[in-house]
Amino acid sequence: MFLPKKMKISGAGLSTHNLVLSGYPPLLSHILNGKEYGPLLKGPSIDRHREEWGTLMRELTACAPKDCAIADRFHTNWHVSHHYIREFVDDDELLMDMLWTWLPRYKGPDLLLYRGENVDRLERGRIGTAWSVKEEKAQMFARGLNAVGKGGVIMETTAPADAIIAGPSAHSIWLGEHEFTVDWRRLGTISRNRYFSPCP
C-alpha cells in the first residue's frame, strides 16, 4: 500500500495525457496520476472535497473503464492509495459499488483471507476492502498502520468467490502483499484472531 519515494510503478509514472480521458470525470486524473491526498485531507475544505469525491464515486459506478490501460492504471493506484480514497469518500458501501465497476473481476475459488483492521473502525461496523492470503501481512497492518485508537486486530474469513471483487495488482504482488479487494457485505463468518495494543 505504501510507495517508497524512489520506486516506480509500471505505468503509474506516465502522464494521463498518454491516455484518452474524454468522457470520464475530470477528478479521475487525481487517482490515475497518483497525486497527493494528505494536504487535501488536512486542509480547511475537507467537507467540499468529500462531497466532490462522493460525486466522483457515483459517476465512476455509472461509467466503466473503456480500455485496459486506464483499468490497469486504476487497479495499481487503487492498491497504492485506497486508504486515502476511503478516508476522502467516507462511505464504504458507495466505494464498494464503484469497485465492482472499476476493478478487474476476480475469477477463482473461495479463499481463506486475512485483514489487519483498526478496532475503533470495526466497532463502528466498518471493515476495509483490502485482504491478503498471507496472515503475516495482516499482522503487519494490525500492529502498525491500523494500531491507533484502541489498537489493531487480525481478522480471518473464508471469502466466497462472489465476495472477492478483484485479485492483486502486479504492484501488490511485487510488494509481497497479495492484496485482494473484497466486498465485506457478501462475507459470512469473520473471526477475530489476535489483538494488538495501540502504537506508542
N, C-alpha and C. Protein backbone atom coordinates (compact mmCIF):
# COMPACT_ATOMS: atom_id res chain seq x y z
N MET A 1 0.81 -1.20 0.00
CA MET A 1 0.00 0.00 0.00
C MET A 1 0.85 1.26 0.00
N PHE A 2 2.01 1.23 0.70
CA PHE A 2 2.86 2.40 0.73
C PHE A 2 3.90 2.34 -0.38
N LEU A 3 4.17 3.48 -0.98
CA LEU A 3 5.06 3.55 -2.13
C LEU A 3 6.34 4.27 -1.77
N PRO A 4 7.47 3.57 -1.71
CA PRO A 4 8.74 4.24 -1.45
C PRO A 4 9.00 5.31 -2.49
N LYS A 5 9.63 6.42 -2.07
CA LYS A 5 9.79 7.57 -2.96
C LYS A 5 10.55 7.24 -4.23
N LYS A 6 11.53 6.32 -4.16
CA LYS A 6 12.36 6.06 -5.33
C LYS A 6 11.83 4.94 -6.20
N MET A 7 10.72 4.33 -5.79
CA MET A 7 10.21 3.21 -6.56
C MET A 7 9.25 3.70 -7.62
N LYS A 8 9.31 3.11 -8.77
CA LYS A 8 8.41 3.46 -9.86
C LYS A 8 7.42 2.34 -10.09
N ILE A 9 6.16 2.74 -10.28
CA ILE A 9 5.12 1.76 -10.59
C ILE A 9 4.99 1.70 -12.10
N SER A 10 4.92 0.51 -12.63
CA SER A 10 4.75 0.35 -14.06
C SER A 10 3.49 1.06 -14.52
N GLY A 11 3.65 2.03 -15.39
CA GLY A 11 2.51 2.75 -15.93
C GLY A 11 2.07 3.92 -15.09
N ALA A 12 2.36 3.92 -13.79
CA ALA A 12 1.84 4.96 -12.92
C ALA A 12 2.59 6.27 -13.08
N GLY A 13 3.82 6.21 -13.58
CA GLY A 13 4.57 7.44 -13.76
C GLY A 13 4.24 8.16 -15.05
N LEU A 14 3.45 7.52 -15.90
CA LEU A 14 3.07 8.15 -17.16
C LEU A 14 1.98 9.16 -16.93
N SER A 15 2.07 10.29 -17.62
CA SER A 15 1.01 11.28 -17.51
C SER A 15 -0.26 10.73 -18.12
N THR A 16 -1.41 11.15 -17.57
CA THR A 16 -2.67 10.72 -18.15
C THR A 16 -2.89 11.35 -19.51
N HIS A 17 -2.00 12.28 -19.92
CA HIS A 17 -2.10 12.79 -21.28
C HIS A 17 -1.87 11.68 -22.29
N ASN A 18 -1.22 10.59 -21.87
CA ASN A 18 -0.99 9.46 -22.75
C ASN A 18 -2.23 8.56 -22.85
N LEU A 19 -3.24 8.84 -22.03
CA LEU A 19 -4.46 8.07 -22.05
C LEU A 19 -5.60 8.95 -22.53
N VAL A 20 -6.60 8.33 -23.12
CA VAL A 20 -7.76 9.08 -23.59
C VAL A 20 -8.76 9.16 -22.44
N LEU A 21 -8.88 10.36 -21.84
CA LEU A 21 -9.74 10.52 -20.68
C LEU A 21 -11.02 11.27 -20.99
N SER A 22 -11.25 11.58 -22.25
CA SER A 22 -12.51 12.25 -22.58
C SER A 22 -13.67 11.33 -22.25
N GLY A 23 -14.71 11.89 -21.68
CA GLY A 23 -15.86 11.10 -21.30
C GLY A 23 -15.80 10.60 -19.88
N TYR A 24 -14.66 10.84 -19.19
CA TYR A 24 -14.51 10.45 -17.79
C TYR A 24 -14.61 11.68 -16.90
N PRO A 25 -15.00 11.51 -15.64
CA PRO A 25 -14.99 12.64 -14.71
C PRO A 25 -13.59 13.20 -14.57
N PRO A 26 -13.42 14.53 -14.60
CA PRO A 26 -12.07 15.13 -14.52
C PRO A 26 -11.28 14.72 -13.28
N LEU A 27 -11.95 14.53 -12.15
CA LEU A 27 -11.26 14.20 -10.91
C LEU A 27 -10.60 12.82 -10.95
N LEU A 28 -10.99 11.98 -11.91
CA LEU A 28 -10.36 10.67 -12.06
C LEU A 28 -8.86 10.79 -12.27
N SER A 29 -8.42 11.87 -12.90
CA SER A 29 -6.98 12.05 -13.17
C SER A 29 -6.18 12.14 -11.88
N HIS A 30 -6.81 12.56 -10.79
CA HIS A 30 -6.11 12.62 -9.50
C HIS A 30 -5.66 11.22 -9.08
N ILE A 31 -6.54 10.24 -9.28
CA ILE A 31 -6.21 8.86 -8.94
C ILE A 31 -5.19 8.30 -9.93
N LEU A 32 -5.45 8.47 -11.20
CA LEU A 32 -4.59 7.86 -12.22
C LEU A 32 -3.18 8.43 -12.21
N ASN A 33 -3.02 9.69 -11.83
CA ASN A 33 -1.71 10.30 -11.78
C ASN A 33 -1.03 10.13 -10.43
N GLY A 34 -1.71 9.48 -9.48
CA GLY A 34 -1.11 9.25 -8.17
C GLY A 34 -0.78 10.53 -7.43
N LYS A 35 -1.67 11.53 -7.53
CA LYS A 35 -1.42 12.80 -6.85
C LYS A 35 -1.57 12.64 -5.33
N GLU A 36 -1.07 13.62 -4.60
CA GLU A 36 -1.10 13.57 -3.14
C GLU A 36 -2.51 13.77 -2.60
N TYR A 37 -2.79 13.15 -1.46
CA TYR A 37 -4.09 13.27 -0.80
C TYR A 37 -3.98 13.97 0.55
N GLY A 38 -2.83 13.83 1.20
CA GLY A 38 -2.66 14.35 2.54
C GLY A 38 -3.02 15.82 2.69
N PRO A 39 -2.48 16.71 1.85
CA PRO A 39 -2.80 18.14 2.01
C PRO A 39 -4.29 18.44 1.91
N LEU A 40 -5.00 17.71 1.06
CA LEU A 40 -6.44 17.94 0.93
C LEU A 40 -7.19 17.43 2.15
N LEU A 41 -6.77 16.26 2.66
CA LEU A 41 -7.45 15.70 3.82
C LEU A 41 -7.24 16.55 5.07
N LYS A 42 -6.09 17.22 5.15
CA LYS A 42 -5.78 18.02 6.32
C LYS A 42 -6.15 19.50 6.15
N GLY A 43 -6.62 19.85 4.97
CA GLY A 43 -6.93 21.25 4.68
C GLY A 43 -8.28 21.69 5.20
N PRO A 44 -8.57 22.98 5.08
CA PRO A 44 -9.82 23.53 5.63
C PRO A 44 -11.06 23.21 4.80
N SER A 45 -10.87 22.69 3.58
CA SER A 45 -12.01 22.46 2.69
C SER A 45 -12.37 20.98 2.58
N ILE A 46 -12.12 20.21 3.64
CA ILE A 46 -12.33 18.77 3.58
C ILE A 46 -13.79 18.42 3.27
N ASP A 47 -14.75 19.17 3.81
CA ASP A 47 -16.15 18.86 3.54
C ASP A 47 -16.48 19.00 2.07
N ARG A 48 -15.95 20.05 1.44
CA ARG A 48 -16.17 20.23 0.00
C ARG A 48 -15.51 19.11 -0.79
N HIS A 49 -14.29 18.74 -0.40
CA HIS A 49 -13.60 17.66 -1.11
C HIS A 49 -14.35 16.33 -0.95
N ARG A 50 -14.88 16.07 0.23
CA ARG A 50 -15.63 14.83 0.45
C ARG A 50 -16.86 14.78 -0.46
N GLU A 51 -17.51 15.90 -0.61
CA GLU A 51 -18.67 15.95 -1.49
C GLU A 51 -18.27 15.68 -2.93
N GLU A 52 -17.15 16.28 -3.35
CA GLU A 52 -16.66 16.08 -4.72
C GLU A 52 -16.27 14.63 -4.96
N TRP A 53 -15.61 14.00 -3.98
CA TRP A 53 -15.17 12.62 -4.15
C TRP A 53 -16.34 11.65 -4.08
N GLY A 54 -17.35 11.97 -3.30
CA GLY A 54 -18.56 11.16 -3.30
C GLY A 54 -19.23 11.20 -4.65
N THR A 55 -19.28 12.39 -5.25
CA THR A 55 -19.84 12.54 -6.59
C THR A 55 -19.03 11.74 -7.60
N LEU A 56 -17.69 11.78 -7.46
CA LEU A 56 -16.82 11.01 -8.36
C LEU A 56 -17.14 9.52 -8.28
N MET A 57 -17.31 9.00 -7.07
CA MET A 57 -17.60 7.57 -6.92
C MET A 57 -18.92 7.20 -7.61
N ARG A 58 -19.92 8.03 -7.47
CA ARG A 58 -21.20 7.76 -8.13
C ARG A 58 -21.06 7.82 -9.64
N GLU A 59 -20.26 8.77 -10.13
CA GLU A 59 -20.05 8.88 -11.58
C GLU A 59 -19.29 7.67 -12.11
N LEU A 60 -18.28 7.22 -11.37
CA LEU A 60 -17.49 6.07 -11.82
C LEU A 60 -18.32 4.79 -11.79
N THR A 61 -19.22 4.67 -10.82
CA THR A 61 -20.08 3.49 -10.75
C THR A 61 -20.92 3.36 -12.01
N ALA A 62 -21.27 4.51 -12.59
CA ALA A 62 -22.11 4.51 -13.80
C ALA A 62 -21.29 4.58 -15.08
N CYS A 63 -19.95 4.56 -14.96
CA CYS A 63 -19.09 4.76 -16.14
C CYS A 63 -17.89 3.84 -16.04
N ALA A 64 -17.98 2.64 -16.59
CA ALA A 64 -16.90 1.66 -16.53
C ALA A 64 -15.70 2.10 -17.37
N PRO A 65 -14.49 1.63 -17.04
CA PRO A 65 -13.32 1.96 -17.86
C PRO A 65 -13.50 1.44 -19.28
N LYS A 66 -13.06 2.24 -20.24
CA LYS A 66 -13.29 1.91 -21.64
C LYS A 66 -12.12 1.17 -22.28
N ASP A 67 -10.98 1.12 -21.64
CA ASP A 67 -9.85 0.38 -22.21
C ASP A 67 -8.96 -0.16 -21.10
N CYS A 68 -8.12 -1.11 -21.45
CA CYS A 68 -7.29 -1.82 -20.47
C CYS A 68 -6.24 -0.92 -19.82
N ALA A 69 -5.71 0.06 -20.56
CA ALA A 69 -4.67 0.91 -20.00
C ALA A 69 -5.20 1.70 -18.81
N ILE A 70 -6.39 2.26 -18.94
CA ILE A 70 -6.99 3.02 -17.85
C ILE A 70 -7.35 2.09 -16.70
N ALA A 71 -7.91 0.93 -17.01
CA ALA A 71 -8.29 -0.03 -15.97
C ALA A 71 -7.07 -0.50 -15.19
N ASP A 72 -5.98 -0.81 -15.88
CA ASP A 72 -4.76 -1.26 -15.21
C ASP A 72 -4.16 -0.17 -14.33
N ARG A 73 -4.16 1.07 -14.85
CA ARG A 73 -3.63 2.18 -14.06
C ARG A 73 -4.46 2.38 -12.79
N PHE A 74 -5.78 2.30 -12.94
CA PHE A 74 -6.66 2.47 -11.78
C PHE A 74 -6.41 1.37 -10.75
N HIS A 75 -6.27 0.14 -11.22
CA HIS A 75 -6.06 -1.01 -10.32
C HIS A 75 -4.77 -0.81 -9.51
N THR A 76 -3.71 -0.40 -10.17
CA THR A 76 -2.44 -0.16 -9.49
C THR A 76 -2.56 0.95 -8.46
N ASN A 77 -3.12 2.08 -8.87
CA ASN A 77 -3.19 3.22 -7.97
C ASN A 77 -4.22 3.03 -6.87
N TRP A 78 -5.19 2.17 -7.10
CA TRP A 78 -6.11 1.81 -6.02
C TRP A 78 -5.34 1.11 -4.91
N HIS A 79 -4.47 0.17 -5.25
CA HIS A 79 -3.71 -0.53 -4.22
C HIS A 79 -2.73 0.39 -3.50
N VAL A 80 -2.24 1.41 -4.19
CA VAL A 80 -1.31 2.34 -3.56
C VAL A 80 -2.04 3.31 -2.62
N SER A 81 -3.23 3.77 -3.01
CA SER A 81 -3.85 4.91 -2.33
C SER A 81 -5.23 4.67 -1.75
N HIS A 82 -5.68 3.41 -1.69
CA HIS A 82 -7.07 3.20 -1.31
C HIS A 82 -7.39 3.66 0.10
N HIS A 83 -6.39 3.65 1.01
CA HIS A 83 -6.65 4.10 2.38
C HIS A 83 -6.97 5.60 2.41
N TYR A 84 -6.33 6.37 1.53
CA TYR A 84 -6.64 7.80 1.42
C TYR A 84 -8.00 8.01 0.75
N ILE A 85 -8.24 7.28 -0.32
CA ILE A 85 -9.50 7.44 -1.05
C ILE A 85 -10.67 7.08 -0.15
N ARG A 86 -10.50 6.03 0.65
CA ARG A 86 -11.56 5.63 1.58
C ARG A 86 -11.85 6.75 2.58
N GLU A 87 -10.80 7.40 3.07
CA GLU A 87 -10.99 8.49 4.03
C GLU A 87 -11.69 9.68 3.38
N PHE A 88 -11.34 9.93 2.12
CA PHE A 88 -11.98 11.01 1.37
C PHE A 88 -13.48 10.75 1.20
N VAL A 89 -13.81 9.56 0.73
CA VAL A 89 -15.20 9.25 0.36
C VAL A 89 -16.06 9.09 1.62
N ASP A 90 -15.50 8.43 2.65
CA ASP A 90 -16.19 8.25 3.92
C ASP A 90 -17.55 7.56 3.76
N ASP A 91 -17.61 6.64 2.82
CA ASP A 91 -18.84 5.87 2.57
C ASP A 91 -18.42 4.54 1.95
N ASP A 92 -18.23 3.52 2.79
CA ASP A 92 -17.68 2.25 2.32
C ASP A 92 -18.58 1.57 1.29
N GLU A 93 -19.88 1.66 1.46
CA GLU A 93 -20.78 0.98 0.54
C GLU A 93 -20.74 1.62 -0.84
N LEU A 94 -20.70 2.94 -0.89
CA LEU A 94 -20.57 3.64 -2.16
C LEU A 94 -19.25 3.27 -2.83
N LEU A 95 -18.20 3.16 -2.03
CA LEU A 95 -16.88 2.81 -2.55
C LEU A 95 -16.89 1.41 -3.16
N MET A 96 -17.48 0.46 -2.45
CA MET A 96 -17.51 -0.92 -2.96
C MET A 96 -18.36 -1.03 -4.22
N ASP A 97 -19.44 -0.29 -4.29
CA ASP A 97 -20.26 -0.29 -5.51
C ASP A 97 -19.41 0.15 -6.71
N MET A 98 -18.59 1.19 -6.50
CA MET A 98 -17.72 1.67 -7.57
C MET A 98 -16.68 0.64 -7.95
N LEU A 99 -16.12 -0.05 -6.96
CA LEU A 99 -15.06 -1.02 -7.23
C LEU A 99 -15.54 -2.19 -8.07
N TRP A 100 -16.79 -2.59 -7.91
CA TRP A 100 -17.33 -3.66 -8.77
C TRP A 100 -17.32 -3.25 -10.23
N THR A 101 -17.38 -1.95 -10.49
CA THR A 101 -17.37 -1.45 -11.87
C THR A 101 -15.96 -1.25 -12.39
N TRP A 102 -15.03 -0.81 -11.51
CA TRP A 102 -13.73 -0.37 -12.00
C TRP A 102 -12.57 -1.34 -11.83
N LEU A 103 -12.70 -2.33 -10.99
CA LEU A 103 -11.59 -3.28 -10.84
C LEU A 103 -11.83 -4.53 -11.69
N PRO A 104 -10.76 -5.19 -12.14
CA PRO A 104 -10.90 -6.41 -12.95
C PRO A 104 -11.51 -7.53 -12.11
N ARG A 105 -12.56 -8.14 -12.61
CA ARG A 105 -13.33 -9.12 -11.84
C ARG A 105 -12.50 -10.36 -11.49
N TYR A 106 -12.52 -10.73 -10.23
CA TYR A 106 -11.83 -11.93 -9.77
C TYR A 106 -12.48 -13.18 -10.36
N LYS A 107 -11.65 -14.11 -10.82
CA LYS A 107 -12.13 -15.39 -11.33
C LYS A 107 -11.30 -16.48 -10.68
N GLY A 108 -11.86 -17.11 -9.68
CA GLY A 108 -11.11 -18.13 -8.96
C GLY A 108 -11.97 -18.74 -7.88
N PRO A 109 -11.36 -19.56 -7.02
CA PRO A 109 -12.10 -20.27 -5.97
C PRO A 109 -12.32 -19.40 -4.74
N ASP A 110 -13.07 -19.92 -3.78
CA ASP A 110 -13.17 -19.31 -2.46
C ASP A 110 -11.76 -19.26 -1.85
N LEU A 111 -11.52 -18.27 -0.99
CA LEU A 111 -10.18 -18.11 -0.42
C LEU A 111 -10.24 -17.84 1.08
N LEU A 112 -9.25 -18.37 1.79
CA LEU A 112 -9.04 -18.02 3.19
C LEU A 112 -8.22 -16.73 3.21
N LEU A 113 -8.81 -15.67 3.77
CA LEU A 113 -8.18 -14.36 3.71
C LEU A 113 -8.04 -13.75 5.11
N TYR A 114 -7.09 -12.81 5.22
CA TYR A 114 -6.81 -12.14 6.48
C TYR A 114 -6.77 -10.63 6.26
N ARG A 115 -7.15 -9.90 7.30
CA ARG A 115 -7.06 -8.44 7.25
C ARG A 115 -6.63 -7.91 8.60
N GLY A 116 -5.73 -6.92 8.59
CA GLY A 116 -5.36 -6.20 9.80
C GLY A 116 -6.21 -4.95 9.90
N GLU A 117 -7.17 -4.94 10.83
CA GLU A 117 -8.15 -3.85 10.93
C GLU A 117 -7.93 -3.03 12.20
N ASN A 118 -8.45 -1.83 12.18
CA ASN A 118 -8.44 -0.97 13.36
C ASN A 118 -9.66 -1.29 14.22
N VAL A 119 -9.45 -1.46 15.53
CA VAL A 119 -10.52 -1.86 16.43
C VAL A 119 -11.65 -0.82 16.47
N ASP A 120 -11.29 0.46 16.48
CA ASP A 120 -12.31 1.51 16.55
C ASP A 120 -13.25 1.46 15.34
N ARG A 121 -12.66 1.31 14.16
CA ARG A 121 -13.50 1.23 12.96
C ARG A 121 -14.36 -0.03 12.98
N LEU A 122 -13.76 -1.13 13.42
CA LEU A 122 -14.51 -2.39 13.46
C LEU A 122 -15.71 -2.27 14.40
N GLU A 123 -15.53 -1.62 15.54
CA GLU A 123 -16.63 -1.44 16.49
C GLU A 123 -17.73 -0.56 15.92
N ARG A 124 -17.39 0.26 14.93
CA ARG A 124 -18.41 1.09 14.27
C ARG A 124 -19.02 0.36 13.07
N GLY A 125 -18.66 -0.91 12.89
CA GLY A 125 -19.20 -1.69 11.80
C GLY A 125 -18.57 -1.41 10.46
N ARG A 126 -17.35 -0.86 10.48
CA ARG A 126 -16.66 -0.52 9.23
C ARG A 126 -15.47 -1.46 9.05
N ILE A 127 -15.44 -2.12 7.89
CA ILE A 127 -14.38 -3.06 7.57
C ILE A 127 -13.80 -2.68 6.21
N GLY A 128 -12.49 -2.66 6.11
CA GLY A 128 -11.86 -2.30 4.86
C GLY A 128 -11.96 -3.38 3.79
N THR A 129 -11.64 -3.01 2.57
CA THR A 129 -11.76 -3.92 1.43
C THR A 129 -10.49 -4.71 1.16
N ALA A 130 -9.37 -4.34 1.78
CA ALA A 130 -8.07 -4.95 1.46
C ALA A 130 -7.80 -6.15 2.35
N TRP A 131 -7.72 -7.34 1.75
CA TRP A 131 -7.47 -8.59 2.46
C TRP A 131 -6.32 -9.31 1.77
N SER A 132 -5.62 -10.16 2.52
CA SER A 132 -4.47 -10.88 1.95
C SER A 132 -4.57 -12.37 2.25
N VAL A 133 -3.95 -13.17 1.40
CA VAL A 133 -3.85 -14.60 1.67
C VAL A 133 -2.75 -14.88 2.68
N LYS A 134 -1.97 -13.85 3.02
CA LYS A 134 -0.84 -14.01 3.93
C LYS A 134 -1.16 -13.38 5.29
N GLU A 135 -1.25 -14.21 6.33
CA GLU A 135 -1.60 -13.70 7.65
C GLU A 135 -0.54 -12.72 8.17
N GLU A 136 0.72 -12.94 7.80
CA GLU A 136 1.76 -12.04 8.28
C GLU A 136 1.59 -10.62 7.76
N LYS A 137 0.99 -10.48 6.58
CA LYS A 137 0.73 -9.15 6.05
C LYS A 137 -0.40 -8.48 6.82
N ALA A 138 -1.42 -9.26 7.19
CA ALA A 138 -2.48 -8.71 8.02
C ALA A 138 -1.92 -8.26 9.37
N GLN A 139 -1.02 -9.05 9.92
CA GLN A 139 -0.40 -8.69 11.20
C GLN A 139 0.40 -7.40 11.08
N MET A 140 1.07 -7.22 9.96
CA MET A 140 1.86 -6.01 9.75
C MET A 140 0.99 -4.76 9.88
N PHE A 141 -0.23 -4.81 9.32
CA PHE A 141 -1.11 -3.65 9.38
C PHE A 141 -1.84 -3.57 10.72
N ALA A 142 -2.18 -4.72 11.32
CA ALA A 142 -2.88 -4.72 12.60
C ALA A 142 -2.01 -4.14 13.71
N ARG A 143 -0.71 -4.35 13.63
CA ARG A 143 0.19 -3.85 14.67
C ARG A 143 0.91 -2.57 14.24
N GLY A 144 0.64 -2.10 13.03
CA GLY A 144 1.29 -0.91 12.51
C GLY A 144 0.32 0.19 12.15
N LEU A 145 0.03 0.33 10.87
CA LEU A 145 -0.81 1.42 10.36
C LEU A 145 -2.16 1.51 11.07
N ASN A 146 -2.77 0.35 11.37
CA ASN A 146 -4.11 0.36 11.96
C ASN A 146 -4.12 0.24 13.48
N ALA A 147 -2.96 0.26 14.10
CA ALA A 147 -2.89 0.15 15.56
C ALA A 147 -2.97 1.53 16.20
N VAL A 148 -4.05 2.24 15.93
CA VAL A 148 -4.30 3.55 16.53
C VAL A 148 -5.57 3.44 17.37
N GLY A 149 -5.85 4.48 18.16
CA GLY A 149 -7.04 4.42 19.00
C GLY A 149 -6.95 3.27 19.98
N LYS A 150 -7.89 2.30 19.84
CA LYS A 150 -7.90 1.13 20.72
C LYS A 150 -6.96 0.02 20.24
N GLY A 151 -6.31 0.22 19.10
CA GLY A 151 -5.37 -0.77 18.61
C GLY A 151 -5.85 -1.47 17.35
N GLY A 152 -5.18 -2.58 17.01
CA GLY A 152 -5.49 -3.30 15.79
C GLY A 152 -5.89 -4.74 16.07
N VAL A 153 -6.45 -5.40 15.07
CA VAL A 153 -6.90 -6.78 15.22
C VAL A 153 -6.74 -7.50 13.88
N ILE A 154 -6.32 -8.76 13.94
CA ILE A 154 -6.27 -9.60 12.75
C ILE A 154 -7.62 -10.30 12.59
N MET A 155 -8.20 -10.15 11.42
CA MET A 155 -9.46 -10.82 11.11
C MET A 155 -9.23 -11.90 10.07
N GLU A 156 -10.04 -12.94 10.13
CA GLU A 156 -9.92 -14.07 9.21
C GLU A 156 -11.30 -14.44 8.68
N THR A 157 -11.38 -14.78 7.41
CA THR A 157 -12.64 -15.22 6.83
C THR A 157 -12.37 -16.13 5.64
N THR A 158 -13.29 -17.02 5.38
CA THR A 158 -13.26 -17.76 4.13
C THR A 158 -14.19 -17.03 3.19
N ALA A 159 -13.61 -16.30 2.25
CA ALA A 159 -14.39 -15.45 1.36
C ALA A 159 -14.89 -16.25 0.17
N PRO A 160 -16.21 -16.27 -0.05
CA PRO A 160 -16.71 -16.91 -1.26
C PRO A 160 -16.26 -16.13 -2.49
N ALA A 161 -16.12 -16.82 -3.58
CA ALA A 161 -15.61 -16.18 -4.80
C ALA A 161 -16.44 -14.97 -5.19
N ASP A 162 -17.75 -15.02 -4.95
CA ASP A 162 -18.58 -13.90 -5.37
C ASP A 162 -18.52 -12.71 -4.42
N ALA A 163 -17.69 -12.80 -3.36
CA ALA A 163 -17.44 -11.66 -2.48
C ALA A 163 -16.12 -10.98 -2.83
N ILE A 164 -15.30 -11.64 -3.64
CA ILE A 164 -13.99 -11.09 -3.99
C ILE A 164 -14.13 -10.28 -5.28
N ILE A 165 -13.94 -8.99 -5.15
CA ILE A 165 -14.09 -8.11 -6.31
C ILE A 165 -12.94 -8.30 -7.29
N ALA A 166 -11.72 -8.26 -6.78
CA ALA A 166 -10.54 -8.32 -7.65
C ALA A 166 -9.38 -8.98 -6.92
N GLY A 167 -8.47 -9.55 -7.70
CA GLY A 167 -7.25 -10.11 -7.17
C GLY A 167 -6.17 -9.04 -7.06
N PRO A 168 -4.96 -9.42 -6.68
CA PRO A 168 -3.88 -8.45 -6.52
C PRO A 168 -3.44 -7.85 -7.87
N SER A 169 -3.06 -6.59 -7.83
CA SER A 169 -2.42 -5.99 -8.99
C SER A 169 -0.97 -6.47 -9.04
N ALA A 170 -0.32 -6.25 -10.17
CA ALA A 170 1.10 -6.63 -10.29
C ALA A 170 1.93 -5.91 -9.23
N HIS A 171 1.56 -4.67 -8.93
CA HIS A 171 2.29 -3.89 -7.93
C HIS A 171 2.13 -4.51 -6.55
N SER A 172 0.93 -4.95 -6.21
CA SER A 172 0.68 -5.57 -4.91
C SER A 172 1.46 -6.87 -4.76
N ILE A 173 1.55 -7.63 -5.84
CA ILE A 173 2.34 -8.87 -5.81
C ILE A 173 3.82 -8.54 -5.63
N TRP A 174 4.28 -7.50 -6.33
CA TRP A 174 5.69 -7.08 -6.22
C TRP A 174 6.03 -6.70 -4.78
N LEU A 175 5.08 -6.04 -4.09
CA LEU A 175 5.29 -5.65 -2.70
C LEU A 175 5.22 -6.85 -1.75
N GLY A 176 4.68 -7.97 -2.25
CA GLY A 176 4.52 -9.15 -1.41
C GLY A 176 3.28 -9.12 -0.55
N GLU A 177 2.36 -8.16 -0.81
CA GLU A 177 1.15 -8.04 0.00
C GLU A 177 0.04 -8.97 -0.49
N HIS A 178 0.00 -9.24 -1.79
CA HIS A 178 -1.01 -10.12 -2.38
C HIS A 178 -2.41 -9.72 -1.91
N GLU A 179 -2.74 -8.49 -2.20
CA GLU A 179 -3.96 -7.86 -1.69
C GLU A 179 -5.16 -8.14 -2.59
N PHE A 180 -6.17 -8.77 -2.01
CA PHE A 180 -7.43 -9.00 -2.69
C PHE A 180 -8.43 -7.93 -2.23
N THR A 181 -9.23 -7.46 -3.16
CA THR A 181 -10.25 -6.47 -2.82
C THR A 181 -11.57 -7.18 -2.61
N VAL A 182 -12.15 -7.00 -1.43
CA VAL A 182 -13.30 -7.80 -1.00
C VAL A 182 -14.49 -6.91 -0.66
N ASP A 183 -15.67 -7.36 -1.02
CA ASP A 183 -16.92 -6.71 -0.62
C ASP A 183 -17.40 -7.41 0.65
N TRP A 184 -17.16 -6.78 1.81
CA TRP A 184 -17.47 -7.44 3.09
C TRP A 184 -18.97 -7.66 3.28
N ARG A 185 -19.82 -7.00 2.48
CA ARG A 185 -21.26 -7.22 2.59
C ARG A 185 -21.64 -8.63 2.18
N ARG A 186 -20.76 -9.31 1.43
CA ARG A 186 -21.04 -10.66 0.96
C ARG A 186 -20.32 -11.75 1.75
N LEU A 187 -19.62 -11.34 2.81
CA LEU A 187 -18.89 -12.32 3.61
C LEU A 187 -19.81 -12.99 4.63
N GLY A 188 -19.42 -14.20 5.04
CA GLY A 188 -20.13 -14.89 6.10
C GLY A 188 -19.46 -14.61 7.43
N THR A 189 -18.96 -15.66 8.07
CA THR A 189 -18.32 -15.52 9.38
C THR A 189 -16.96 -14.86 9.27
N ILE A 190 -16.73 -13.87 10.12
CA ILE A 190 -15.43 -13.21 10.22
C ILE A 190 -14.92 -13.39 11.64
N SER A 191 -13.77 -14.06 11.78
CA SER A 191 -13.18 -14.31 13.10
C SER A 191 -12.18 -13.22 13.44
N ARG A 192 -12.07 -12.93 14.73
CA ARG A 192 -11.05 -12.01 15.23
C ARG A 192 -9.98 -12.85 15.92
N ASN A 193 -8.81 -12.88 15.33
CA ASN A 193 -7.79 -13.83 15.78
C ASN A 193 -6.84 -13.31 16.85
N ARG A 194 -6.44 -12.05 16.72
CA ARG A 194 -5.42 -11.55 17.63
C ARG A 194 -5.49 -10.03 17.69
N TYR A 195 -5.39 -9.49 18.90
CA TYR A 195 -5.44 -8.04 19.10
C TYR A 195 -4.04 -7.49 19.37
N PHE A 196 -3.84 -6.22 18.97
CA PHE A 196 -2.57 -5.55 19.20
C PHE A 196 -2.82 -4.21 19.87
N SER A 197 -1.99 -3.89 20.84
CA SER A 197 -2.12 -2.62 21.55
C SER A 197 -1.82 -1.46 20.61
N PRO A 198 -2.35 -0.29 20.94
CA PRO A 198 -2.06 0.90 20.11
C PRO A 198 -0.57 1.19 20.05
N CYS A 199 -0.13 1.67 18.91
CA CYS A 199 1.27 2.06 18.77
C CYS A 199 1.54 3.25 19.70
N PRO A 200 2.69 3.29 20.34
CA PRO A 200 3.01 4.41 21.23
C PRO A 200 3.16 5.72 20.46
